C-alpha atoms as a PDB file:
ATOM      1  CA  MET A   1      23.092  15.940  16.456  1.00  0.00           C
ATOM      2  CA  ASN A   2      21.352  17.689  13.567  1.00  0.00           C
ATOM      3  CA  LEU A   3      17.969  16.185  12.667  1.00  0.00           C
ATOM      4  CA  ARG A   4      18.241  17.650   9.194  1.00  0.00           C
ATOM      5  CA  HIS A   5      21.451  15.701   8.605  1.00  0.00           C
ATOM      6  CA  LEU A   6      19.755  12.523   9.795  1.00  0.00           C
ATOM      7  CA  GLY A   7      17.019  13.294   7.289  1.00  0.00           C
ATOM      8  CA  TYR A   8      19.618  13.350   4.522  1.00  0.00           C
ATOM      9  CA  LEU A   9      20.806   9.914   5.639  1.00  0.00           C
ATOM     10  CA  VAL A  10      17.234   8.599   5.426  1.00  0.00           C
ATOM     11  CA  ALA A  11      16.793  10.191   1.999  1.00  0.00           C
ATOM     12  CA  LEU A  12      19.930   8.402   0.822  1.00  0.00           C
ATOM     13  CA  ALA A  13      18.537   5.101   2.113  1.00  0.00           C
ATOM     14  CA  ASP A  14      15.268   5.708   0.253  1.00  0.00           C
ATOM     15  CA  GLU A  15      16.803   6.870  -3.030  1.00  0.00           C
ATOM     16  CA  ARG A  16      19.994   4.719  -3.060  1.00  0.00           C
ATOM     17  CA  ASN A  17      21.736   7.484  -4.996  1.00  0.00           C
ATOM     18  CA  PHE A  18      23.504  10.680  -3.849  1.00  0.00           C
ATOM     19  CA  HIS A  19      22.098  12.886  -6.609  1.00  0.00           C
ATOM     20  CA  LYS A  20      18.526  11.629  -6.177  1.00  0.00           C
ATOM     21  CA  ALA A  21      18.760  11.933  -2.393  1.00  0.00           C
ATOM     22  CA  ALA A  22      19.918  15.543  -2.718  1.00  0.00           C
ATOM     23  CA  ARG A  23      17.091  16.320  -5.131  1.00  0.00           C
ATOM     24  CA  ALA A  24      14.536  14.694  -2.806  1.00  0.00           C
ATOM     25  CA  SER A  25      15.938  16.816   0.040  1.00  0.00           C
ATOM     26  CA  HIS A  26      15.810  19.999  -2.099  1.00  0.00           C
ATOM     27  CA  ILE A  27      19.525  20.670  -1.685  1.00  0.00           C
ATOM     28  CA  ALA A  28      22.634  20.470  -3.852  1.00  0.00           C
ATOM     29  CA  GLN A  29      24.551  17.200  -3.869  1.00  0.00           C
ATOM     30  CA  PRO A  30      27.738  18.746  -2.378  1.00  0.00           C
ATOM     31  CA  THR A  31      25.630  20.021   0.533  1.00  0.00           C
ATOM     32  CA  LEU A  32      24.234  16.540   1.157  1.00  0.00           C
ATOM     33  CA  SER A  33      27.655  14.913   0.908  1.00  0.00           C
ATOM     34  CA  ALA A  34      29.155  17.440   3.317  1.00  0.00           C
ATOM     35  CA  ALA A  35      26.341  16.841   5.822  1.00  0.00           C
ATOM     36  CA  LEU A  36      26.876  13.086   5.665  1.00  0.00           C
ATOM     37  CA  ARG A  37      30.606  13.571   6.213  1.00  0.00           C
ATOM     38  CA  ARG A  38      29.854  15.683   9.278  1.00  0.00           C
ATOM     39  CA  LEU A  39      27.642  12.917  10.634  1.00  0.00           C
ATOM     40  CA  GLU A  40      30.455  10.421  10.143  1.00  0.00           C
ATOM     41  CA  GLU A  41      32.894  12.754  11.883  1.00  0.00           C
ATOM     42  CA  GLU A  42      30.464  13.149  14.773  1.00  0.00           C
ATOM     43  CA  PHE A  43      30.175   9.375  15.223  1.00  0.00           C
ATOM     44  CA  GLY A  44      33.837   8.806  14.453  1.00  0.00           C
ATOM     45  CA  ILE A  45      33.097   5.941  12.044  1.00  0.00           C
ATOM     46  CA  PRO A  46      32.088   5.525   8.385  1.00  0.00           C
ATOM     47  CA  LEU A  47      28.322   5.232   7.921  1.00  0.00           C
ATOM     48  CA  VAL A  48      28.136   5.078   4.128  1.00  0.00           C
ATOM     49  CA  ARG A  49      29.996   2.751   1.789  1.00  0.00           C
ATOM     50  CA  ARG A  50      31.238   4.616  -1.282  1.00  0.00           C
ATOM     51  CA  SER A  51      33.070   3.574  -4.438  1.00  0.00           C
ATOM     52  CA  ASN A  52      34.394   6.290  -6.759  1.00  0.00           C
ATOM     53  CA  GLN A  53      31.938   8.696  -5.108  1.00  0.00           C
ATOM     54  CA  ARG A  54      29.041   6.338  -5.868  1.00  0.00           C
ATOM     55  CA  PHE A  55      26.704   5.007  -3.199  1.00  0.00           C
ATOM     56  CA  GLU A  56      27.334   1.328  -2.461  1.00  0.00           C
ATOM     57  CA  GLY A  57      25.304   0.878   0.718  1.00  0.00           C
ATOM     58  CA  PHE A  58      25.671   1.388   4.449  1.00  0.00           C
ATOM     59  CA  THR A  59      28.150   0.011   6.935  1.00  0.00           C
ATOM     60  CA  ASP A  60      26.786  -2.051   9.828  1.00  0.00           C
ATOM     61  CA  GLU A  61      27.107   1.015  12.025  1.00  0.00           C
ATOM     62  CA  GLY A  62      25.387   3.096   9.364  1.00  0.00           C
ATOM     63  CA  LEU A  63      22.411   0.726   9.364  1.00  0.00           C
ATOM     64  CA  ARG A  64      22.107   1.083  13.140  1.00  0.00           C
ATOM     65  CA  VAL A  65      22.232   4.875  12.886  1.00  0.00           C
ATOM     66  CA  LEU A  66      19.692   4.757  10.044  1.00  0.00           C
ATOM     67  CA  GLU A  67      17.247   2.732  12.145  1.00  0.00           C
ATOM     68  CA  VAL A  68      17.460   5.206  15.014  1.00  0.00           C
ATOM     69  CA  ALA A  69      17.336   8.171  12.600  1.00  0.00           C
ATOM     70  CA  ARG A  70      14.025   6.995  11.140  1.00  0.00           C
ATOM     71  CA  ARG A  71      12.583   6.664  14.630  1.00  0.00           C
ATOM     72  CA  MET A  72      13.858  10.076  15.743  1.00  0.00           C
ATOM     73  CA  LEU A  73      12.501  11.806  12.649  1.00  0.00           C
ATOM     74  CA  ALA A  74       9.136  10.066  13.051  1.00  0.00           C
ATOM     75  CA  ASP A  75       8.981  11.127  16.707  1.00  0.00           C
ATOM     76  CA  ALA A  76       9.889  14.713  15.785  1.00  0.00           C
ATOM     77  CA  ALA A  77       7.152  14.807  13.139  1.00  0.00           C
ATOM     78  CA  THR A  78       4.649  13.346  15.600  1.00  0.00           C
ATOM     79  CA  LEU A  79       5.575  15.994  18.171  1.00  0.00           C
ATOM     80  CA  LYS A  80       4.987  18.811  15.664  1.00  0.00           C
ATOM     81  CA  GLN A  81       1.645  17.320  14.630  1.00  0.00           C
ATOM     82  CA  SER A  82       0.579  16.845  18.255  1.00  0.00           C
ATOM     83  CA  ILE A  83       1.298  20.500  19.034  1.00  0.00           C
ATOM     84  CA  ARG A  84      -0.697  21.664  16.012  1.00  0.00           C
ATOM     85  CA  ALA A  85      -3.545  19.137  16.294  1.00  0.00           C
ATOM     86  CA  PRO A  86      -5.571  21.076  18.913  1.00  0.00           C
ATOM     87  CA  TRP A  87      -5.696  23.978  16.460  1.00  0.00           C
ATOM     88  CA  GLY A  88      -7.371  21.752  13.874  1.00  0.00           C
ATOM     89  CA  ARG A  89      -4.960  22.169  10.961  1.00  0.00           C
ATOM     90  CA  LEU A  90      -2.189  19.628  10.427  1.00  0.00           C
ATOM     91  CA  THR A  91       0.735  19.874   8.041  1.00  0.00           C
ATOM     92  CA  GLY A  92       3.350  17.404   6.918  1.00  0.00           C
ATOM     93  CA  HIS A  93       3.717  14.375   4.687  1.00  0.00           C
ATOM     94  CA  LEU A  94       1.589  11.236   5.069  1.00  0.00           C
ATOM     95  CA  ARG A  95       3.103   8.152   3.402  1.00  0.00           C
ATOM     96  CA  ILE A  96       0.650   5.302   2.930  1.00  0.00           C
ATOM     97  CA  GLY A  97       1.536   1.880   1.575  1.00  0.00           C
ATOM     98  CA  ILE A  98      -1.384   0.336  -0.296  1.00  0.00           C
ATOM     99  CA  ILE A  99      -1.911  -3.160  -1.685  1.00  0.00           C
ATOM    100  CA  PRO A 100      -2.832  -3.266  -5.404  1.00  0.00           C
ATOM    101  CA  THR A 101      -6.346  -4.547  -4.725  1.00  0.00           C
ATOM    102  CA  ALA A 102      -7.120  -1.477  -2.591  1.00  0.00           C
ATOM    103  CA  GLU A 103      -5.784   0.996  -5.175  1.00  0.00           C
ATOM    104  CA  PRO A 104      -9.244   1.525  -6.726  1.00  0.00           C
ATOM    105  CA  LEU A 105     -10.007   3.497  -3.552  1.00  0.00           C
ATOM    106  CA  ALA A 106      -6.870   5.671  -3.801  1.00  0.00           C
ATOM    107  CA  GLY A 107      -8.620   8.724  -5.228  1.00  0.00           C
ATOM    108  CA  GLN A 108     -11.351   8.638  -2.617  1.00  0.00           C
ATOM    109  CA  ILE A 109      -8.803   8.221   0.182  1.00  0.00           C
ATOM    110  CA  THR A 110      -6.947  11.357  -0.911  1.00  0.00           C
ATOM    111  CA  ALA A 111     -10.126  13.366  -1.571  1.00  0.00           C
ATOM    112  CA  ILE A 112     -11.704  12.605   1.805  1.00  0.00           C
ATOM    113  CA  PHE A 113      -8.460  13.216   3.713  1.00  0.00           C
ATOM    114  CA  HIS A 114      -7.784  16.518   1.933  1.00  0.00           C
ATOM    115  CA  ALA A 115     -11.303  17.707   2.672  1.00  0.00           C
ATOM    116  CA  ARG A 116     -10.405  17.411   6.366  1.00  0.00           C
ATOM    117  CA  GLN A 117      -6.701  18.340   6.246  1.00  0.00           C
ATOM    118  CA  PRO A 118      -5.873  20.277   3.047  1.00  0.00           C
ATOM    119  CA  ASP A 119      -2.330  21.204   4.144  1.00  0.00           C
ATOM    120  CA  VAL A 120      -1.099  17.599   4.353  1.00  0.00           C
ATOM    121  CA  THR A 121       0.679  16.033   1.372  1.00  0.00           C
ATOM    122  CA  ILE A 122      -0.237  12.387   0.739  1.00  0.00           C
ATOM    123  CA  THR A 123       1.934   9.848  -1.054  1.00  0.00           C
ATOM    124  CA  LEU A 124       0.335   6.480  -1.866  1.00  0.00           C
ATOM    125  CA  LEU A 125       2.876   3.739  -2.593  1.00  0.00           C
ATOM    126  CA  SER A 126       1.849   0.415  -4.147  1.00  0.00           C
ATOM    127  CA  LYS A 127       3.343  -2.375  -2.021  1.00  0.00           C
ATOM    128  CA  THR A 128       2.779  -5.956  -0.938  1.00  0.00           C
ATOM    129  CA  SER A 129       1.385  -6.723   2.518  1.00  0.00           C
ATOM    130  CA  ARG A 130       4.839  -7.698   3.801  1.00  0.00           C
ATOM    131  CA  GLU A 131       6.443  -4.547   2.382  1.00  0.00           C
ATOM    132  CA  ILE A 132       3.811  -2.463   4.159  1.00  0.00           C
ATOM    133  CA  GLU A 133       4.488  -4.184   7.480  1.00  0.00           C
ATOM    134  CA  ARG A 134       8.225  -3.654   7.097  1.00  0.00           C
ATOM    135  CA  GLY A 135       7.818  -0.030   5.981  1.00  0.00           C
ATOM    136  CA  ILE A 136       5.698   0.893   9.004  1.00  0.00           C
ATOM    137  CA  ALA A 137       8.012  -0.907  11.432  1.00  0.00           C
ATOM    138  CA  GLU A 138      11.008   0.944   9.949  1.00  0.00           C
ATOM    139  CA  HIS A 139       9.196   4.331   9.987  1.00  0.00           C
ATOM    140  CA  ALA A 140       9.342   4.559   6.191  1.00  0.00           C
ATOM    141  CA  LEU A 141       5.513   4.613   6.126  1.00  0.00           C
ATOM    142  CA  GLU A 142       3.016   6.194   8.505  1.00  0.00           C
ATOM    143  CA  ALA A 143       0.247   3.732   7.631  1.00  0.00           C
ATOM    144  CA  GLY A 144      -0.818   1.028   5.217  1.00  0.00           C
ATOM    145  CA  ILE A 145      -4.024  -0.103   3.514  1.00  0.00           C
ATOM    146  CA  THR A 146      -3.833  -3.882   3.501  1.00  0.00           C
ATOM    147  CA  TYR A 147      -5.543  -7.125   4.443  1.00  0.00           C
ATOM    148  CA  VAL A 148      -6.244  -7.356   8.167  1.00  0.00           C
ATOM    149  CA  GLY A 149      -7.494 -10.040  10.515  1.00  0.00           C
ATOM    150  CA  ARG A 150      -4.294 -12.075  10.376  1.00  0.00           C
ATOM    151  CA  ALA A 151      -1.210 -12.263  12.550  1.00  0.00           C
ATOM    152  CA  VAL A 152       1.072  -9.218  12.312  1.00  0.00           C
ATOM    153  CA  PRO A 153       4.187  -8.215  14.286  1.00  0.00           C
ATOM    154  CA  ALA A 154       3.472  -7.093  17.855  1.00  0.00           C
ATOM    155  CA  GLN A 155       4.493  -3.477  17.188  1.00  0.00           C
ATOM    156  CA  LEU A 156       1.717  -3.089  14.582  1.00  0.00           C
ATOM    157  CA  GLN A 157      -2.006  -2.503  15.028  1.00  0.00           C
ATOM    158  CA  GLN A 158      -4.890  -3.330  12.647  1.00  0.00           C
ATOM    159  CA  HIS A 159      -7.968  -1.141  12.097  1.00  0.00           C
ATOM    160  CA  PRO A 160     -10.632  -2.949   9.967  1.00  0.00           C
ATOM    161  CA  LEU A 161     -12.515  -0.880   7.372  1.00  0.00           C
ATOM    162  CA  TYR A 162     -14.438  -2.978   4.836  1.00  0.00           C
ATOM    163  CA  GLN A 163     -14.943  -6.442   3.382  1.00  0.00           C
ATOM    164  CA  GLU A 164     -13.470  -7.131  -0.059  1.00  0.00           C
ATOM    165  CA  GLY A 165     -15.587  -9.328  -2.330  1.00  0.00           C
ATOM    166  CA  TYR A 166     -14.662 -10.815  -5.721  1.00  0.00           C
ATOM    167  CA  VAL A 167     -15.995 -10.889  -9.263  1.00  0.00           C
ATOM    168  CA  VAL A 168     -15.072 -12.458 -12.578  1.00  0.00           C
ATOM    169  CA  MET A 169     -14.675 -10.103 -15.541  1.00  0.00           C
ATOM    170  CA  GLY A 170     -14.727 -11.402 -19.099  1.00  0.00           C
ATOM    171  CA  SER A 171     -16.229 -11.120 -22.546  1.00  0.00           C
ATOM    172  CA  GLU A 172     -19.839 -12.001 -23.303  1.00  0.00           C
ATOM    173  CA  GLU A 173     -18.543 -14.912 -25.379  1.00  0.00           C
ATOM    174  CA  LEU A 174     -16.889 -16.408 -22.292  1.00  0.00           C
ATOM    175  CA  LEU A 175     -19.421 -15.451 -19.613  1.00  0.00           C
ATOM    176  CA  GLY A 176     -22.716 -15.274 -21.500  1.00  0.00           C
ATOM    177  CA  GLN A 177     -25.224 -12.439 -21.532  1.00  0.00           C
ATOM    178  CA  THR A 178     -27.778 -13.217 -18.831  1.00  0.00           C
ATOM    179  CA  ARG A 179     -26.282 -14.672 -15.662  1.00  0.00           C
ATOM    180  CA  THR A 180     -25.087 -12.437 -12.812  1.00  0.00           C
ATOM    181  CA  ARG A 181     -23.322 -14.971 -10.555  1.00  0.00           C
ATOM    182  CA  ILE A 182     -20.762 -17.720 -10.989  1.00  0.00           C
ATOM    183  CA  SER A 183     -19.360 -20.324  -8.599  1.00  0.00           C
ATOM    184  CA  TRP A 184     -15.661 -20.636  -7.859  1.00  0.00           C
ATOM    185  CA  GLN A 185     -15.747 -24.121  -9.340  1.00  0.00           C
ATOM    186  CA  GLU A 186     -17.240 -22.831 -12.600  1.00  0.00           C
ATOM    187  CA  ALA A 187     -14.737 -19.970 -12.693  1.00  0.00           C
ATOM    188  CA  ALA A 188     -11.852 -22.430 -12.348  1.00  0.00           C
ATOM    189  CA  ALA A 189     -12.670 -23.861 -15.778  1.00  0.00           C
ATOM    190  CA  LEU A 190     -12.293 -20.470 -17.480  1.00  0.00           C
ATOM    191  CA  PRO A 191      -9.006 -19.237 -19.011  1.00  0.00           C
ATOM    192  CA  LEU A 192      -7.915 -16.982 -16.146  1.00  0.00           C
ATOM    193  CA  VAL A 193      -5.538 -14.104 -15.520  1.00  0.00           C
ATOM    194  CA  LEU A 194      -4.707 -13.581 -11.834  1.00  0.00           C
ATOM    195  CA  LEU A 195      -2.387 -11.411  -9.789  1.00  0.00           C
ATOM    196  CA  ASN A 196       1.071 -12.919  -9.430  1.00  0.00           C
ATOM    197  CA  ARG A 197       2.058 -15.313  -6.663  1.00  0.00           C
ATOM    198  CA  GLU A 198       3.876 -12.684  -4.604  1.00  0.00           C
ATOM    199  CA  MET A 199       0.579 -10.946  -3.867  1.00  0.00           C
ATOM    200  CA  GLN A 200      -1.480 -11.725  -0.778  1.00  0.00           C
ATOM    201  CA  ASN A 201      -4.592 -11.505  -2.972  1.00  0.00           C
ATOM    202  CA  ARG A 202      -3.325 -14.380  -5.111  1.00  0.00           C
ATOM    203  CA  ARG A 203      -2.933 -16.538  -2.023  1.00  0.00           C
ATOM    204  CA  LEU A 204      -6.449 -15.653  -0.859  1.00  0.00           C
ATOM    205  CA  VAL A 205      -7.959 -16.346  -4.281  1.00  0.00           C
ATOM    206  CA  GLY A 206      -6.060 -19.636  -4.477  1.00  0.00           C
ATOM    207  CA  GLU A 207      -7.441 -20.588  -1.070  1.00  0.00           C
ATOM    208  CA  ALA A 208     -11.001 -19.869  -2.263  1.00  0.00           C
ATOM    209  CA  PHE A 209     -10.533 -22.148  -5.272  1.00  0.00           C
ATOM    210  CA  ARG A 210      -9.166 -24.901  -3.020  1.00  0.00           C
ATOM    211  CA  LYS A 211     -12.135 -24.607  -0.668  1.00  0.00           C
ATOM    212  CA  ALA A 212     -14.389 -25.045  -3.696  1.00  0.00           C
ATOM    213  CA  GLY A 213     -12.441 -28.182  -4.621  1.00  0.00           C
ATOM    214  CA  ALA A 214     -11.251 -26.644  -7.879  1.00  0.00           C
ATOM    215  CA  GLU A 215      -7.909 -26.064  -9.616  1.00  0.00           C
ATOM    216  CA  PRO A 216      -7.960 -22.785 -11.599  1.00  0.00           C
ATOM    217  CA  LYS A 217      -6.773 -22.721 -15.196  1.00  0.00           C
ATOM    218  CA  VAL A 218      -4.295 -19.837 -14.926  1.00  0.00           C
ATOM    219  CA  MET A 219      -3.118 -18.713 -18.347  1.00  0.00           C
ATOM    220  CA  ALA A 220      -1.311 -15.506 -17.330  1.00  0.00           C
ATOM    221  CA  GLU A 221      -0.323 -13.475 -14.277  1.00  0.00           C
ATOM    222  CA  SER A 222       0.056  -9.751 -13.657  1.00  0.00           C
ATOM    223  CA  SER A 223       1.371  -7.559 -10.858  1.00  0.00           C
ATOM    224  CA  THR A 224      -1.482  -5.050 -11.308  1.00  0.00           C
ATOM    225  CA  LEU A 225      -5.250  -5.018 -11.728  1.00  0.00           C
ATOM    226  CA  VAL A 226      -4.846  -2.868 -14.838  1.00  0.00           C
ATOM    227  CA  GLY A 227      -2.674  -5.630 -16.287  1.00  0.00           C
ATOM    228  CA  ILE A 228      -5.440  -8.150 -15.635  1.00  0.00           C
ATOM    229  CA  PHE A 229      -8.038  -5.896 -17.262  1.00  0.00           C
ATOM    230  CA  SER A 230      -5.792  -5.378 -20.281  1.00  0.00           C
ATOM    231  CA  HIS A 231      -5.900  -9.149 -20.827  1.00  0.00           C
ATOM    232  CA  VAL A 232      -9.665  -9.266 -20.279  1.00  0.00           C
ATOM    233  CA  ARG A 233     -10.163  -6.611 -22.978  1.00  0.00           C
ATOM    234  CA  GLN A 234      -8.608  -8.948 -25.535  1.00  0.00           C
ATOM    235  CA  GLY A 235     -11.632 -11.220 -25.170  1.00  0.00           C
ATOM    236  CA  MET A 236      -9.558 -14.375 -24.680  1.00  0.00           C
ATOM    237  CA  TRP A 237      -9.264 -14.432 -20.884  1.00  0.00           C
ATOM    238  CA  CYS A 238     -11.239 -13.742 -17.716  1.00  0.00           C
ATOM    239  CA  GLY A 239      -9.921 -12.050 -14.599  1.00  0.00           C
ATOM    240  CA  VAL A 240     -10.713 -12.540 -10.917  1.00  0.00           C
ATOM    241  CA  VAL A 241     -10.635  -9.070  -9.348  1.00  0.00           C
ATOM    242  CA  PRO A 242     -12.015  -7.290  -6.262  1.00  0.00           C
ATOM    243  CA  ASN A 243     -15.482  -5.808  -6.614  1.00  0.00           C
ATOM    244  CA  THR A 244     -13.952  -2.393  -5.855  1.00  0.00           C
ATOM    245  CA  PHE A 245     -12.024  -2.542  -9.129  1.00  0.00           C
ATOM    246  CA  ALA A 246     -15.117  -3.442 -11.148  1.00  0.00           C
ATOM    247  CA  ALA A 247     -16.995  -0.581  -9.473  1.00  0.00           C
ATOM    248  CA  LEU A 248     -14.199   1.861 -10.350  1.00  0.00           C
ATOM    249  CA  LEU A 249     -14.329   0.886 -14.036  1.00  0.00           C
ATOM    250  CA  GLY A 250     -18.113   0.979 -14.282  1.00  0.00           C
ATOM    251  CA  PRO A 251     -19.904  -0.552 -17.284  1.00  0.00           C
ATOM    252  CA  VAL A 252     -17.526  -1.491 -20.110  1.00  0.00           C
ATOM    253  CA  GLY A 253     -18.939  -2.408 -23.504  1.00  0.00           C
ATOM    254  CA  GLY A 254     -18.715  -6.121 -24.270  1.00  0.00           C
ATOM    255  CA  ILE A 255     -17.436  -7.002 -20.776  1.00  0.00           C
ATOM    256  CA  ARG A 256     -19.552  -8.898 -18.241  1.00  0.00           C
ATOM    257  CA  VAL A 257     -19.002  -8.829 -14.489  1.00  0.00           C
ATOM    258  CA  LEU A 258     -20.249 -11.828 -12.490  1.00  0.00           C
ATOM    259  CA  THR A 259     -20.281 -12.040  -8.707  1.00  0.00           C
ATOM    260  CA  LEU A 260     -18.252 -14.970  -7.382  1.00  0.00           C
ATOM    261  CA  ALA A 261     -20.270 -17.143  -5.003  1.00  0.00           C
ATOM    262  CA  GLU A 262     -20.511 -20.703  -3.728  1.00  0.00           C
ATOM    263  CA  PRO A 263     -18.726 -20.154  -1.475  1.00  0.00           C
ATOM    264  CA  ASN A 264     -19.324 -16.467  -0.849  1.00  0.00           C
ATOM    265  CA  THR A 265     -15.795 -15.217  -0.132  1.00  0.00           C
ATOM    266  CA  GLN A 266     -14.806 -11.933   1.492  1.00  0.00           C
ATOM    267  CA  HIS A 267     -11.662 -10.684   3.200  1.00  0.00           C
ATOM    268  CA  ALA A 268     -11.219  -7.773   5.579  1.00  0.00           C
ATOM    269  CA  VAL A 269      -9.213  -4.761   4.404  1.00  0.00           C
ATOM    270  CA  GLY A 270      -8.143  -2.051   6.798  1.00  0.00           C
ATOM    271  CA  ILE A 271      -5.464   0.318   8.029  1.00  0.00           C
ATOM    272  CA  LEU A 272      -2.193  -0.838   9.548  1.00  0.00           C
ATOM    273  CA  THR A 273      -0.310   1.496  11.893  1.00  0.00           C
ATOM    274  CA  LEU A 274       2.219   1.319  14.677  1.00  0.00           C
ATOM    275  CA  ALA A 275       0.673   0.080  17.920  1.00  0.00           C
ATOM    276  CA  ARG A 276       1.085   3.355  19.787  1.00  0.00           C
ATOM    277  CA  LYS A 277      -1.208   5.212  22.171  1.00  0.00           C
ATOM    278  CA  PRO A 278      -1.968   7.851  21.326  1.00  0.00           C
ATOM    279  CA  LEU A 279      -1.484   7.379  17.604  1.00  0.00           C
ATOM    280  CA  PRO A 280       0.393  10.091  15.697  1.00  0.00           C
ATOM    281  CA  PRO A 281      -2.202  12.712  14.643  1.00  0.00           C
ATOM    282  CA  LEU A 282      -1.870  12.043  10.894  1.00  0.00           C
ATOM    283  CA  ALA A 283      -2.486   8.323  11.393  1.00  0.00           C
ATOM    284  CA  GLN A 284      -5.417   9.015  13.729  1.00  0.00           C
ATOM    285  CA  VAL A 285      -7.044  11.393  11.244  1.00  0.00           C
ATOM    286  CA  LEU A 286      -6.530   8.849   8.458  1.00  0.00           C
ATOM    287  CA  ILE A 287      -8.453   6.226  10.436  1.00  0.00           C
ATOM    288  CA  GLU A 288     -11.241   8.684  11.219  1.00  0.00           C
ATOM    289  CA  VAL A 289     -11.717   9.906   7.660  1.00  0.00           C
ATOM    290  CA  LEU A 290     -11.522   6.464   6.061  1.00  0.00           C
ATOM    291  CA  ARG A 291     -14.368   5.301   8.240  1.00  0.00           C
ATOM    292  CA  GLU A 292     -16.397   7.891   6.321  1.00  0.00           C
ATOM    293  CA  LEU A 293     -15.494   6.236   3.006  1.00  0.00           C
ATOM    294  CA  PRO A 294     -18.680   5.298   1.097  1.00  0.00           C
ATOM    295  CA  ALA A 295     -19.427   1.621   0.476  1.00  0.00           C
ATOM    296  CA  ILE A 296     -17.818   0.506  -2.767  1.00  0.00           C
ATOM    297  CA  GLY A 297     -18.664  -2.285  -5.157  1.00  0.00           C
ATOM    298  CA  GLY A 298     -21.811  -3.589  -3.535  1.00  0.00           C
ATOM    299  CA  LYS A 299     -20.213  -5.934  -0.976  1.00  0.00           C
ATOM    300  CA  ALA A 300     -17.530  -3.612   0.370  1.00  0.00           C
ATOM    301  CA  ARG A 301     -19.029  -2.468   3.654  1.00  0.00           C
ATOM    302  CA  LEU A 302     -17.253  -0.239   6.101  1.00  0.00           C
ATOM    303  CA  ARG A 303     -17.034  -1.158   9.727  1.00  0.00           C
ATOM    304  CA  GLY A 304     -17.227   1.411  12.492  1.00  0.00           C
END
């Protein structure tokens, strides 16, 4: 069985299109199609559902082969990395799922990792907590940056990094010019823009408001922190965002940033990997270098 052909099958699953899968694999589409046909001949059953030469999905058998293919390719990559690791220089592709509220750290993550392992290519993919869990379990991701300290599937392992705190951003007209802190109950009375309800952050923020005995006045929702800030810049709304995002932006004219307190709310963010011993070298190096990440946003403190 040719691992390269299995890689083409995985590329097709990721891209959902023959042409895009071929491009991602750096081959011509006829070459990819021929390789997939050879796989089907080897198994003696159809793996891919096609309609007028268009990709329509996988057969049940194809899904089973795909699951094993991802695992085999991940194991092969881990083997290569393990052989090279004692020599100090790793190569390969590190795919990291990252929740939107951790994206302000994306540049630092890449910079610190590349300082240690310059020959590794990093891809950071914005995903929800559940998508990250699924991606790691299916070997579509090597690691994730997400909320930790909660129940996760048994095959996954959590590595805490820092505590995420929260601030309110808004115009001076809405937040005043002198105060530096605001309670969750006070913030609930403001016209707010929050992340949408599919995000784990939204559930955590909602829980903080409930603990304060308050019902937030949500005027708009966004799937990104940039979307929230775009609303804040209009001067009509305030946003509840992680302190890491406020630190990334720095001072912005006409915009106040108040620390949310009463109650003081923080949530642990860390790395999610497969629960394997030893960890694949790329995942192990990621954990090591991220523990060197400087403290961000005042209340984000790394844990050793």
